[in-house]
Amino acid sequence: MTPSEIKRARAASLLRELIFEALGNLNDEILRGITITEVIVKKGMYDADIYIDPSIYTEEERKEILKKLKKAASLLQSFCLESSGWFKCPKFHFKFDENIEKSKRIEELFDKIKEDK
């Protein structure tokens, strides 16, 4: 790993903890229950993709959660900026982690194949 990759990995790890803490401080019960699966910080630390576990939400709930997170993004960024002591905080882009659902489908297919044999 290069030094810049190490720096981004550290920032992603710290952001994951801080965002989880910041969500816990919000008054919105739905946002407090969100599970963050991964944070990816882009080069230059201008943007960060925050992936959320979609497994317990319906499509309507997902849209509502993304809408609420978009509104709360500046508040979350301020919290992270203040807690980390950084000069700047990346812009947050919230997404649902579709890899989890894909891996569950693959596991189900393997189970089905196993049963058929």
PDB file of N, CA and C in Angstrom:
ATOM      1  N   MET A   1       0.833  -1.191   0.000  1.00  0.00           N
ATOM      2  CA  MET A   1       0.000   0.000   0.000  1.00  0.00           C
ATOM      3  C   MET A   1       0.873   1.248   0.000  1.00  0.00           C
ATOM      4  N   THR A   2       0.451   2.206  -0.766  1.00  0.00           N
ATOM      5  CA  THR A   2       1.179   3.463  -0.803  1.00  0.00           C
ATOM      6  C   THR A   2       0.754   4.321   0.391  1.00  0.00           C
ATOM      7  N   PRO A   3       1.546   5.323   0.735  1.00  0.00           N
ATOM      8  CA  PRO A   3       1.167   6.192   1.860  1.00  0.00           C
ATOM      9  C   PRO A   3      -0.197   6.871   1.676  1.00  0.00           C
ATOM     10  N   SER A   4      -0.532   7.247   0.442  1.00  0.00           N
ATOM     11  CA  SER A   4      -1.831   7.892   0.218  1.00  0.00           C
ATOM     12  C   SER A   4      -2.980   6.901   0.418  1.00  0.00           C
ATOM     13  N   GLU A   5      -2.776   5.642   0.036  1.00  0.00           N
ATOM     14  CA  GLU A   5      -3.806   4.624   0.252  1.00  0.00           C
ATOM     15  C   GLU A   5      -4.000   4.342   1.734  1.00  0.00           C
ATOM     16  N   ILE A   6      -2.911   4.335   2.467  1.00  0.00           N
ATOM     17  CA  ILE A   6      -2.982   4.133   3.922  1.00  0.00           C
ATOM     18  C   ILE A   6      -3.741   5.284   4.577  1.00  0.00           C
ATOM     19  N   LYS A   7      -3.446   6.496   4.139  1.00  0.00           N
ATOM     20  CA  LYS A   7      -4.121   7.677   4.681  1.00  0.00           C
ATOM     21  C   LYS A   7      -5.620   7.617   4.416  1.00  0.00           C
ATOM     22  N   ARG A   8      -6.001   7.222   3.191  1.00  0.00           N
ATOM     23  CA  ARG A   8      -7.431   7.114   2.858  1.00  0.00           C
ATOM     24  C   ARG A   8      -8.111   6.006   3.652  1.00  0.00           C
ATOM     25  N   ALA A   9      -7.407   4.891   3.862  1.00  0.00           N
ATOM     26  CA  ALA A   9      -7.979   3.784   4.643  1.00  0.00           C
ATOM     27  C   ALA A   9      -8.196   4.206   6.096  1.00  0.00           C
ATOM     28  N   ARG A  10      -7.251   4.942   6.649  1.00  0.00           N
ATOM     29  CA  ARG A  10      -7.409   5.453   8.014  1.00  0.00           C
ATOM     30  C   ARG A  10      -8.566   6.434   8.100  1.00  0.00           C
ATOM     31  N   ALA A  11      -8.658   7.308   7.121  1.00  0.00           N
ATOM     32  CA  ALA A  11      -9.751   8.284   7.104  1.00  0.00           C
ATOM     33  C   ALA A  11     -11.095   7.578   6.990  1.00  0.00           C
ATOM     34  N   ALA A  12     -11.168   6.551   6.150  1.00  0.00           N
ATOM     35  CA  ALA A  12     -12.416   5.804   5.982  1.00  0.00           C
ATOM     36  C   ALA A  12     -12.817   5.121   7.287  1.00  0.00           C
ATOM     37  N   SER A  13     -11.841   4.551   7.967  1.00  0.00           N
ATOM     38  CA  SER A  13     -12.123   3.881   9.241  1.00  0.00           C
ATOM     39  C   SER A  13     -12.635   4.876  10.280  1.00  0.00           C
ATOM     40  N   LEU A  14     -11.986   6.008  10.370  1.00  0.00           N
ATOM     41  CA  LEU A  14     -12.410   7.036  11.319  1.00  0.00           C
ATOM     42  C   LEU A  14     -13.788   7.582  10.957  1.00  0.00           C
ATOM     43  N   LEU A  15     -14.021   7.827   9.676  1.00  0.00           N
ATOM     44  CA  LEU A  15     -15.326   8.335   9.241  1.00  0.00           C
ATOM     45  C   LEU A  15     -16.449   7.348   9.571  1.00  0.00           C
ATOM     46  N   ARG A  16     -16.169   6.072   9.394  1.00  0.00           N
ATOM     47  CA  ARG A  16     -17.194   5.062   9.700  1.00  0.00           C
ATOM     48  C   ARG A  16     -17.616   5.156  11.166  1.00  0.00           C
ATOM     49  N   GLU A  17     -16.645   5.274  12.049  1.00  0.00           N
ATOM     50  CA  GLU A  17     -16.943   5.393  13.478  1.00  0.00           C
ATOM     51  C   GLU A  17     -17.672   6.698  13.790  1.00  0.00           C
ATOM     52  N   LEU A  18     -17.194   7.798  13.220  1.00  0.00           N
ATOM     53  CA  LEU A  18     -17.789   9.101  13.513  1.00  0.00           C
ATOM     54  C   LEU A  18     -19.203   9.230  12.955  1.00  0.00           C
ATOM     55  N   ILE A  19     -19.434   8.700  11.764  1.00  0.00           N
ATOM     56  CA  ILE A  19     -20.775   8.778  11.177  1.00  0.00           C
ATOM     57  C   ILE A  19     -21.746   7.943  11.999  1.00  0.00           C
ATOM     58  N   PHE A  20     -21.298   6.764  12.424  1.00  0.00           N
ATOM     59  CA  PHE A  20     -22.145   5.924  13.271  1.00  0.00           C
ATOM     60  C   PHE A  20     -22.508   6.653  14.560  1.00  0.00           C
ATOM     61  N   GLU A  21     -21.525   7.305  15.168  1.00  0.00           N
ATOM     62  CA  GLU A  21     -21.761   8.076  16.395  1.00  0.00           C
ATOM     63  C   GLU A  21     -22.697   9.259  16.130  1.00  0.00           C
ATOM     64  N   ALA A  22     -22.474   9.956  15.020  1.00  0.00           N
ATOM     65  CA  ALA A  22     -23.312  11.111  14.686  1.00  0.00           C
ATOM     66  C   ALA A  22     -24.753  10.691  14.418  1.00  0.00           C
ATOM     67  N   LEU A  23     -24.945   9.573  13.739  1.00  0.00           N
ATOM     68  CA  LEU A  23     -26.301   9.077  13.484  1.00  0.00           C
ATOM     69  C   LEU A  23     -26.996   8.714  14.791  1.00  0.00           C
ATOM     70  N   GLY A  24     -26.246   8.212  15.747  1.00  0.00           N
ATOM     71  CA  GLY A  24     -26.808   7.865  17.048  1.00  0.00           C
ATOM     72  C   GLY A  24     -27.272   9.074  17.834  1.00  0.00           C
ATOM     73  N   ASN A  25     -26.729  10.236  17.531  1.00  0.00           N
ATOM     74  CA  ASN A  25     -27.111  11.463  18.225  1.00  0.00           C
ATOM     75  C   ASN A  25     -28.317  12.160  17.608  1.00  0.00           C
ATOM     76  N   LEU A  26     -28.752  11.700  16.437  1.00  0.00           N
ATOM     77  CA  LEU A  26     -29.888  12.331  15.776  1.00  0.00           C
ATOM     78  C   LEU A  26     -31.200  11.930  16.443  1.00  0.00           C
ATOM     79  N   ASN A  27     -32.220  12.759  16.262  1.00  0.00           N
ATOM     80  CA  ASN A  27     -33.533  12.492  16.836  1.00  0.00           C
ATOM     81  C   ASN A  27     -34.359  11.535  15.993  1.00  0.00           C
ATOM     82  N   ASP A  28     -33.925  11.236  14.797  1.00  0.00           N
ATOM     83  CA  ASP A  28     -34.671  10.370  13.892  1.00  0.00           C
ATOM     84  C   ASP A  28     -34.386   8.901  14.209  1.00  0.00           C
ATOM     85  N   GLU A  29     -35.422   8.178  14.590  1.00  0.00           N
ATOM     86  CA  GLU A  29     -35.281   6.769  14.984  1.00  0.00           C
ATOM     87  C   GLU A  29     -34.802   5.899  13.824  1.00  0.00           C
ATOM     88  N   ILE A  30     -35.269   6.183  12.620  1.00  0.00           N
ATOM     89  CA  ILE A  30     -34.871   5.388  11.454  1.00  0.00           C
ATOM     90  C   ILE A  30     -33.382   5.558  11.168  1.00  0.00           C
ATOM     91  N   LEU A  31     -32.898   6.783  11.211  1.00  0.00           N
ATOM     92  CA  LEU A  31     -31.485   7.027  10.928  1.00  0.00           C
ATOM     93  C   LEU A  31     -30.578   6.455  12.007  1.00  0.00           C
ATOM     94  N   ARG A  32     -31.072   6.382  13.237  1.00  0.00           N
ATOM     95  CA  ARG A  32     -30.265   5.806  14.314  1.00  0.00           C
ATOM     96  C   ARG A  32     -30.056   4.306  14.130  1.00  0.00           C
ATOM     97  N   GLY A  33     -30.970   3.652  13.410  1.00  0.00           N
ATOM     98  CA  GLY A  33     -30.882   2.209  13.237  1.00  0.00           C
ATOM     99  C   GLY A  33     -30.114   1.760  12.006  1.00  0.00           C
ATOM    100  N   ILE A  34     -29.540   2.682  11.276  1.00  0.00           N
ATOM    101  CA  ILE A  34     -28.827   2.355  10.041  1.00  0.00           C
ATOM    102  C   ILE A  34     -27.509   1.647  10.361  1.00  0.00           C
ATOM    103  N   THR A  35     -27.210   0.635   9.546  1.00  0.00           N
ATOM    104  CA  THR A  35     -25.935  -0.069   9.666  1.00  0.00           C
ATOM    105  C   THR A  35     -25.052   0.312   8.484  1.00  0.00           C
ATOM    106  N   ILE A  36     -23.898   0.852   8.774  1.00  0.00           N
ATOM    107  CA  ILE A  36     -22.946   1.241   7.731  1.00  0.00           C
ATOM    108  C   ILE A  36     -22.040   0.049   7.460  1.00  0.00           C
ATOM    109  N   THR A  37     -22.009  -0.398   6.212  1.00  0.00           N
ATOM    110  CA  THR A  37     -21.191  -1.561   5.873  1.00  0.00           C
ATOM    111  C   THR A  37     -19.780  -1.177   5.441  1.00  0.00           C
ATOM    112  N   GLU A  38     -19.659  -0.030   4.792  1.00  0.00           N
ATOM    113  CA  GLU A  38     -18.341   0.358   4.281  1.00  0.00           C
ATOM    114  C   GLU A  38     -18.303   1.855   3.993  1.00  0.00           C
ATOM    115  N   VAL A  39     -17.113   2.423   4.141  1.00  0.00           N
ATOM    116  CA  VAL A  39     -16.870   3.817   3.760  1.00  0.00           C
ATOM    117  C   VAL A  39     -15.659   3.812   2.839  1.00  0.00           C
ATOM    118  N   ILE A  40     -15.799   4.421   1.683  1.00  0.00           N
ATOM    119  CA  ILE A  40     -14.693   4.526   0.729  1.00  0.00           C
ATOM    120  C   ILE A  40     -14.412   6.003   0.502  1.00  0.00           C
ATOM    121  N   VAL A  41     -13.206   6.414   0.842  1.00  0.00           N
ATOM    122  CA  VAL A  41     -12.785   7.807   0.662  1.00  0.00           C
ATOM    123  C   VAL A  41     -12.048   7.904  -0.665  1.00  0.00           C
ATOM    124  N   LYS A  42     -12.448   8.851  -1.485  1.00  0.00           N
ATOM    125  CA  LYS A  42     -11.835   9.054  -2.802  1.00  0.00           C
ATOM    126  C   LYS A  42     -10.526   9.826  -2.664  1.00  0.00           C
ATOM    127  N   LYS A  43      -9.741   9.815  -3.736  1.00  0.00           N
ATOM    128  CA  LYS A  43      -8.464  10.540  -3.732  1.00  0.00           C
ATOM    129  C   LYS A  43      -8.691  12.010  -3.434  1.00  0.00           C
ATOM    130  N   GLY A  44      -7.815  12.576  -2.668  1.00  0.00           N
ATOM    131  CA  GLY A  44      -7.905  13.981  -2.313  1.00  0.00           C
ATOM    132  C   GLY A  44      -8.851  14.244  -1.154  1.00  0.00           C
ATOM    133  N   MET A  45      -9.540  13.226  -0.702  1.00  0.00           N
ATOM    134  CA  MET A  45     -10.496  13.317   0.408  1.00  0.00           C
ATOM    135  C   MET A  45     -11.578  14.372   0.178  1.00  0.00           C
ATOM    136  N   TYR A  46     -12.002  14.517  -1.074  1.00  0.00           N
ATOM    137  CA  TYR A  46     -13.078  15.458  -1.379  1.00  0.00           C
ATOM    138  C   TYR A  46     -14.444  14.781  -1.288  1.00  0.00           C
ATOM    139  N   ASP A  47     -14.476  13.470  -1.549  1.00  0.00           N
ATOM    140  CA  ASP A  47     -15.727  12.725  -1.556  1.00  0.00           C
ATOM    141  C   ASP A  47     -15.558  11.411  -0.803  1.00  0.00           C
ATOM    142  N   ALA A  48     -16.656  10.959  -0.216  1.00  0.00           N
ATOM    143  CA  ALA A  48     -16.666   9.658   0.461  1.00  0.00           C
ATOM    144  C   ALA A  48     -17.990   8.966   0.166  1.00  0.00           C
ATOM    145  N   ASP A  49     -17.900   7.721  -0.284  1.00  0.00           N
ATOM    146  CA  ASP A  49     -19.091   6.909  -0.504  1.00  0.00           C
ATOM    147  C   ASP A  49     -19.355   6.117   0.766  1.00  0.00           C
ATOM    148  N   ILE A  50     -20.565   6.247   1.291  1.00  0.00           N
ATOM    149  CA  ILE A  50     -20.947   5.561   2.519  1.00  0.00           C
ATOM    150  C   ILE A  50     -22.013   4.541   2.157  1.00  0.00           C
ATOM    151  N   TYR A  51     -21.685   3.267   2.372  1.00  0.00           N
ATOM    152  CA  TYR A  51     -22.584   2.184   1.992  1.00  0.00           C
ATOM    153  C   TYR A  51     -23.371   1.706   3.209  1.00  0.00           C
ATOM    154  N   ILE A  52     -24.667   1.488   2.988  1.00  0.00           N
ATOM    155  CA  ILE A  52     -25.604   1.125   4.043  1.00  0.00           C
ATOM    156  C   ILE A  52     -26.158  -0.264   3.760  1.00  0.00           C
ATOM    157  N   ASP A  53     -26.370  -1.041   4.828  1.00  0.00           N
ATOM    158  CA  ASP A  53     -26.947  -2.380   4.706  1.00  0.00           C
ATOM    159  C   ASP A  53     -28.426  -2.262   4.336  1.00  0.00           C
ATOM    160  N   PRO A  54     -28.826  -2.781   3.160  1.00  0.00           N
ATOM    161  CA  PRO A  54     -30.211  -2.628   2.700  1.00  0.00           C
ATOM    162  C   PRO A  54     -31.142  -3.765   3.110  1.00  0.00           C
ATOM    163  N   SER A  55     -30.647  -4.772   3.802  1.00  0.00           N
ATOM    164  CA  SER A  55     -31.377  -6.028   3.970  1.00  0.00           C
ATOM    165  C   SER A  55     -32.712  -5.917   4.700  1.00  0.00           C
ATOM    166  N   ILE A  56     -32.885  -4.961   5.588  1.00  0.00           N
ATOM    167  CA  ILE A  56     -34.133  -4.909   6.363  1.00  0.00           C
ATOM    168  C   ILE A  56     -35.097  -3.828   5.888  1.00  0.00           C
ATOM    169  N   TYR A  57     -34.783  -3.175   4.786  1.00  0.00           N
ATOM    170  CA  TYR A  57     -35.610  -2.069   4.319  1.00  0.00           C
ATOM    171  C   TYR A  57     -36.323  -2.399   3.020  1.00  0.00           C
ATOM    172  N   THR A  58     -37.535  -1.870   2.885  1.00  0.00           N
ATOM    173  CA  THR A  58     -38.263  -1.980   1.618  1.00  0.00           C
ATOM    174  C   THR A  58     -37.751  -0.882   0.683  1.00  0.00           C
ATOM    175  N   GLU A  59     -38.189  -0.933  -0.557  1.00  0.00           N
ATOM    176  CA  GLU A  59     -37.751   0.071  -1.535  1.00  0.00           C
ATOM    177  C   GLU A  59     -38.209   1.476  -1.133  1.00  0.00           C
ATOM    178  N   GLU A  60     -39.422   1.598  -0.610  1.00  0.00           N
ATOM    179  CA  GLU A  60     -39.920   2.901  -0.151  1.00  0.00           C
ATOM    180  C   GLU A  60     -39.089   3.433   1.014  1.00  0.00           C
ATOM    181  N   GLU A  61     -38.767   2.543   1.948  1.00  0.00           N
ATOM    182  CA  GLU A  61     -37.966   2.959   3.102  1.00  0.00           C
ATOM    183  C   GLU A  61     -36.573   3.386   2.663  1.00  0.00           C
ATOM    184  N   ARG A  62     -36.028   2.700   1.686  1.00  0.00           N
ATOM    185  CA  ARG A  62     -34.695   3.069   1.184  1.00  0.00           C
ATOM    186  C   ARG A  62     -34.696   4.482   0.605  1.00  0.00           C
ATOM    187  N   LYS A  63     -35.721   4.793  -0.181  1.00  0.00           N
ATOM    188  CA  LYS A  63     -35.808   6.134  -0.765  1.00  0.00           C
ATOM    189  C   LYS A  63     -35.946   7.185   0.331  1.00  0.00           C
ATOM    190  N   GLU A  64     -36.756   6.893   1.330  1.00  0.00           N
ATOM    191  CA  GLU A  64     -36.960   7.823   2.438  1.00  0.00           C
ATOM    192  C   GLU A  64     -35.671   8.015   3.237  1.00  0.00           C
ATOM    193  N   ILE A  65     -34.949   6.943   3.462  1.00  0.00           N
ATOM    194  CA  ILE A  65     -33.689   7.022   4.210  1.00  0.00           C
ATOM    195  C   ILE A  65     -32.676   7.863   3.451  1.00  0.00           C
ATOM    196  N   LEU A  66     -32.548   7.626   2.154  1.00  0.00           N
ATOM    197  CA  LEU A  66     -31.597   8.417   1.353  1.00  0.00           C
ATOM    198  C   LEU A  66     -31.961   9.893   1.360  1.00  0.00           C
ATOM    199  N   LYS A  67     -33.256  10.182   1.317  1.00  0.00           N
ATOM    200  CA  LYS A  67     -33.720  11.566   1.352  1.00  0.00           C
ATOM    201  C   LYS A  67     -33.347  12.217   2.691  1.00  0.00           C
ATOM    202  N   LYS A  68     -33.572  11.490   3.782  1.00  0.00           N
ATOM    203  CA  LYS A  68     -33.248  12.018   5.111  1.00  0.00           C
ATOM    204  C   LYS A  68     -31.741  12.186   5.289  1.00  0.00           C
ATOM    205  N   LEU A  69     -30.981  11.229   4.776  1.00  0.00           N
ATOM    206  CA  LEU A  69     -29.523  11.319   4.896  1.00  0.00           C
ATOM    207  C   LEU A  69     -28.973  12.488   4.087  1.00  0.00           C
ATOM    208  N   LYS A  70     -29.578  12.755   2.950  1.00  0.00           N
ATOM    209  CA  LYS A  70     -29.141  13.895   2.129  1.00  0.00           C
ATOM    210  C   LYS A  70     -29.361  15.204   2.888  1.00  0.00           C
ATOM    211  N   LYS A  71     -30.496  15.287   3.594  1.00  0.00           N
ATOM    212  CA  LYS A  71     -30.773  16.485   4.393  1.00  0.00           C
ATOM    213  C   LYS A  71     -29.823  16.602   5.585  1.00  0.00           C
ATOM    214  N   ALA A  72     -29.476  15.459   6.170  1.00  0.00           N
ATOM    215  CA  ALA A  72     -28.639  15.461   7.377  1.00  0.00           C
ATOM    216  C   ALA A  72     -27.145  15.454   7.069  1.00  0.00           C
ATOM    217  N   ALA A  73     -26.770  15.378   5.795  1.00  0.00           N
ATOM    218  CA  ALA A  73     -25.357  15.247   5.418  1.00  0.00           C
ATOM    219  C   ALA A  73     -24.491  16.376   5.960  1.00  0.00           C
ATOM    220  N   SER A  74     -24.951  17.613   5.853  1.00  0.00           N
ATOM    221  CA  SER A  74     -24.128  18.737   6.330  1.00  0.00           C
ATOM    222  C   SER A  74     -23.946  18.677   7.841  1.00  0.00           C
ATOM    223  N   LEU A  75     -24.975  18.246   8.548  1.00  0.00           N
ATOM    224  CA  LEU A  75     -24.870  18.087  10.001  1.00  0.00           C
ATOM    225  C   LEU A  75     -23.874  16.977  10.348  1.00  0.00           C
ATOM    226  N   LEU A  76     -23.927  15.877   9.619  1.00  0.00           N
ATOM    227  CA  LEU A  76     -22.999  14.771   9.843  1.00  0.00           C
ATOM    228  C   LEU A  76     -21.564  15.177   9.513  1.00  0.00           C
ATOM    229  N   GLN A  77     -21.402  15.940   8.437  1.00  0.00           N
ATOM    230  CA  GLN A  77     -20.075  16.414   8.058  1.00  0.00           C
ATOM    231  C   GLN A  77     -19.515  17.350   9.123  1.00  0.00           C
ATOM    232  N   SER A  78     -20.345  18.224   9.655  1.00  0.00           N
ATOM    233  CA  SER A  78     -19.900  19.136  10.711  1.00  0.00           C
ATOM    234  C   SER A  78     -19.465  18.375  11.945  1.00  0.00           C
ATOM    235  N   PHE A  79     -20.239  17.348  12.305  1.00  0.00           N
ATOM    236  CA  PHE A  79     -19.890  16.529  13.465  1.00  0.00           C
ATOM    237  C   PHE A  79     -18.540  15.845  13.246  1.00  0.00           C
ATOM    238  N   CYS A  80     -18.356  15.261  12.062  1.00  0.00           N
ATOM    239  CA  CYS A  80     -17.101  14.566  11.755  1.00  0.00           C
ATOM    240  C   CYS A  80     -15.922  15.524  11.722  1.00  0.00           C
ATOM    241  N   LEU A  81     -16.139  16.704  11.180  1.00  0.00           N
ATOM    242  CA  LEU A  81     -15.090  17.713  11.101  1.00  0.00           C
ATOM    243  C   LEU A  81     -14.661  18.151  12.496  1.00  0.00           C
ATOM    244  N   GLU A  82     -15.641  18.391  13.357  1.00  0.00           N
ATOM    245  CA  GLU A  82     -15.358  18.834  14.714  1.00  0.00           C
ATOM    246  C   GLU A  82     -14.679  17.729  15.532  1.00  0.00           C
ATOM    247  N   SER A  83     -15.131  16.499  15.375  1.00  0.00           N
ATOM    248  CA  SER A  83     -14.603  15.389  16.164  1.00  0.00           C
ATOM    249  C   SER A  83     -13.220  14.942  15.701  1.00  0.00           C
ATOM    250  N   SER A  84     -12.957  15.045  14.412  1.00  0.00           N
ATOM    251  CA  SER A  84     -11.687  14.558  13.880  1.00  0.00           C
ATOM    252  C   SER A  84     -10.568  15.589  13.974  1.00  0.00           C
ATOM    253  N   GLY A  85     -10.935  16.861  13.967  1.00  0.00           N
ATOM    254  CA  GLY A  85      -9.916  17.900  13.971  1.00  0.00           C
ATOM    255  C   GLY A  85      -9.330  18.162  12.594  1.00  0.00           C
ATOM    256  N   TRP A  86      -9.949  17.612  11.561  1.00  0.00           N
ATOM    257  CA  TRP A  86      -9.476  17.822  10.203  1.00  0.00           C
ATOM    258  C   TRP A  86      -9.770  19.241   9.752  1.00  0.00           C
ATOM    259  N   PHE A  87      -9.038  19.663   8.733  1.00  0.00           N
ATOM    260  CA  PHE A  87      -9.260  20.976   8.132  1.00  0.00           C
ATOM    261  C   PHE A  87     -10.485  20.961   7.227  1.00  0.00           C
ATOM    262  N   LYS A  88     -10.701  19.838   6.556  1.00  0.00           N
ATOM    263  CA  LYS A  88     -11.861  19.689   5.681  1.00  0.00           C
ATOM    264  C   LYS A  88     -12.412  18.271   5.846  1.00  0.00           C
ATOM    265  N   CYS A  89     -13.682  18.132   5.491  1.00  0.00           N
ATOM    266  CA  CYS A  89     -14.348  16.837   5.567  1.00  0.00           C
ATOM    267  C   CYS A  89     -14.861  16.485   4.177  1.00  0.00           C
ATOM    268  N   PRO A  90     -14.755  15.236   3.779  1.00  0.00           N
ATOM    269  CA  PRO A  90     -15.265  14.866   2.455  1.00  0.00           C
ATOM    270  C   PRO A  90     -16.772  15.053   2.339  1.00  0.00           C
ATOM    271  N   LYS A  91     -17.232  15.242   1.139  1.00  0.00           N
ATOM    272  CA  LYS A  91     -18.665  15.315   0.875  1.00  0.00           C
ATOM    273  C   LYS A  91     -19.192  13.879   0.874  1.00  0.00           C
ATOM    274  N   PHE A  92     -20.282  13.656   1.609  1.00  0.00           N
ATOM    275  CA  PHE A  92     -20.820  12.313   1.768  1.00  0.00           C
ATOM    276  C   PHE A  92     -21.796  11.967   0.654  1.00  0.00           C
ATOM    277  N   HIS A  93     -21.659  10.749   0.130  1.00  0.00           N
ATOM    278  CA  HIS A  93     -22.572  10.195  -0.864  1.00  0.00           C
ATOM    279  C   HIS A  93     -23.082   8.871  -0.295  1.00  0.00           C
ATOM    280  N   PHE A  94     -24.337   8.850   0.108  1.00  0.00           N
ATOM    281  CA  PHE A  94     -24.910   7.665   0.730  1.00  0.00           C
ATOM    282  C   PHE A  94     -25.491   6.747  -0.339  1.00  0.00           C
ATOM    283  N   LYS A  95     -25.188   5.444  -0.195  1.00  0.00           N
ATOM    284  CA  LYS A  95     -25.654   4.439  -1.148  1.00  0.00           C
ATOM    285  C   LYS A  95     -25.990   3.166  -0.377  1.00  0.00           C
ATOM    286  N   PHE A  96     -26.893   2.385  -0.931  1.00  0.00           N
ATOM    287  CA  PHE A  96     -27.169   1.084  -0.341  1.00  0.00           C
ATOM    288  C   PHE A  96     -26.219   0.062  -0.946  1.00  0.00           C
ATOM    289  N   ASP A  97     -25.683  -0.798  -0.105  1.00  0.00           N
ATOM    290  CA  ASP A  97     -24.693  -1.789  -0.514  1.00  0.00           C
ATOM    291  C   ASP A  97     -25.394  -2.965  -1.192  1.00  0.00           C
ATOM    292  N   GLU A  98     -25.348  -2.988  -2.500  1.00  0.00           N
ATOM    293  CA  GLU A  98     -26.017  -4.040  -3.269  1.00  0.00           C
ATOM    294  C   GLU A  98     -25.213  -5.339  -3.280  1.00  0.00           C
ATOM    295  N   ASN A  99     -23.954  -5.297  -2.894  1.00  0.00           N
ATOM    296  CA  ASN A  99     -23.131  -6.501  -2.871  1.00  0.00           C
ATOM    297  C   ASN A  99     -23.631  -7.507  -1.844  1.00  0.00           C
ATOM    298  N   ILE A 100     -24.231  -7.030  -0.778  1.00  0.00           N
ATOM    299  CA  ILE A 100     -24.748  -7.923   0.252  1.00  0.00           C
ATOM    300  C   ILE A 100     -25.876  -8.771  -0.317  1.00  0.00           C
ATOM    301  N   GLU A 101     -26.793  -8.142  -1.038  1.00  0.00           N
ATOM    302  CA  GLU A 101     -27.905  -8.886  -1.638  1.00  0.00           C
ATOM    303  C   GLU A 101     -27.405  -9.863  -2.694  1.00  0.00           C
ATOM    304  N   LYS A 102     -26.418  -9.452  -3.471  1.00  0.00           N
ATOM    305  CA  LYS A 102     -25.870 -10.348  -4.485  1.00  0.00           C
ATOM    306  C   LYS A 102     -25.230 -11.568  -3.841  1.00  0.00           C
ATOM    307  N   SER A 103     -24.491 -11.363  -2.775  1.00  0.00           N
ATOM    308  CA  SER A 103     -23.842 -12.498  -2.110  1.00  0.00           C
ATOM    309  C   SER A 103     -24.873 -13.426  -1.471  1.00  0.00           C
ATOM    310  N   LYS A 104     -25.971 -12.865  -0.961  1.00  0.00           N
ATOM    311  CA  LYS A 104     -27.040 -13.709  -0.412  1.00  0.00           C
ATOM    312  C   LYS A 104     -27.681 -14.554  -1.509  1.00  0.00           C
ATOM    313  N   ARG A 105     -27.904 -13.958  -2.671  1.00  0.00           N
ATOM    314  CA  ARG A 105     -28.484 -14.708  -3.790  1.00  0.00           C
ATOM    315  C   ARG A 105     -27.546 -15.838  -4.233  1.00  0.00           C
ATOM    316  N   ILE A 106     -26.260 -15.557  -4.275  1.00  0.00           N
ATOM    317  CA  ILE A 106     -25.284 -16.578  -4.665  1.00  0.00           C
ATOM    318  C   ILE A 106     -25.282 -17.717  -3.653  1.00  0.00           C
ATOM    319  N   GLU A 107     -25.334 -17.378  -2.370  1.00  0.00           N
ATOM    320  CA  GLU A 107     -25.378 -18.408  -1.335  1.00  0.00           C
ATOM    321  C   GLU A 107     -26.635 -19.261  -1.465  1.00  0.00           C
ATOM    322  N   GLU A 108     -27.775 -18.619  -1.765  1.00  0.00           N
ATOM    323  CA  GLU A 108     -29.017 -19.365  -1.955  1.00  0.00           C
ATOM    324  C   GLU A 108     -28.910 -20.319  -3.145  1.00  0.00           C
ATOM    325  N   LEU A 109     -28.270 -19.853  -4.226  1.00  0.00           N
ATOM    326  CA  LEU A 109     -28.083 -20.725  -5.387  1.00  0.00           C
ATOM    327  C   LEU A 109     -27.196 -21.923  -5.045  1.00  0.00           C
ATOM    328  N   PHE A 110     -26.129 -21.680  -4.303  1.00  0.00           N
ATOM    329  CA  PHE A 110     -25.259 -22.779  -3.891  1.00  0.00           C
ATOM    330  C   PHE A 110     -26.000 -23.767  -3.003  1.00  0.00           C
ATOM    331  N   ASP A 111     -26.829 -23.262  -2.110  1.00  0.00           N
ATOM    332  CA  ASP A 111     -27.633 -24.133  -1.249  1.00  0.00           C
ATOM    333  C   ASP A 111     -28.602 -24.977  -2.075  1.00  0.00           C
ATOM    334  N   LYS A 112     -29.194 -24.359  -3.083  1.00  0.00           N
ATOM    335  CA  LYS A 112     -30.139 -25.071  -3.956  1.00  0.00           C
ATOM    336  C   LYS A 112     -29.419 -26.162  -4.737  1.00  0.00           C
ATOM    337  N   ILE A 113     -28.235 -25.841  -5.226  1.00  0.00           N
ATOM    338  CA  ILE A 113     -27.436 -26.833  -5.973  1.00  0.00           C
ATOM    339  C   ILE A 113     -27.065 -27.993  -5.047  1.00  0.00           C
ATOM    340  N   LYS A 114     -26.711 -27.674  -3.838  1.00  0.00           N
ATOM    341  CA  LYS A 114     -26.340 -28.680  -2.849  1.00  0.00           C
ATOM    342  C   LYS A 114     -27.507 -29.623  -2.562  1.00  0.00           C
ATOM    343  N   GLU A 115     -28.710 -29.036  -2.450  1.00  0.00           N
ATOM    344  CA  GLU A 115     -29.906 -29.839  -2.188  1.00  0.00           C
ATOM    345  C   GLU A 115     -30.250 -30.735  -3.376  1.00  0.00           C
ATOM    346  N   ASP A 116     -30.058 -30.240  -4.592  1.00  0.00           N
ATOM    347  CA  ASP A 116     -30.374 -30.998  -5.788  1.00  0.00           C
ATOM    348  C   ASP A 116     -29.456 -32.206  -5.955  1.00  0.00           C
ATOM    349  N   LYS A 117     -28.245 -32.119  -5.454  1.00  0.00           N
ATOM    350  CA  LYS A 117     -27.306 -33.240  -5.571  1.00  0.00           C
ATOM    351  C   LYS A 117     -27.663 -34.212  -4.505  1.00  0.00           C
TER     352      LYS A 117
END
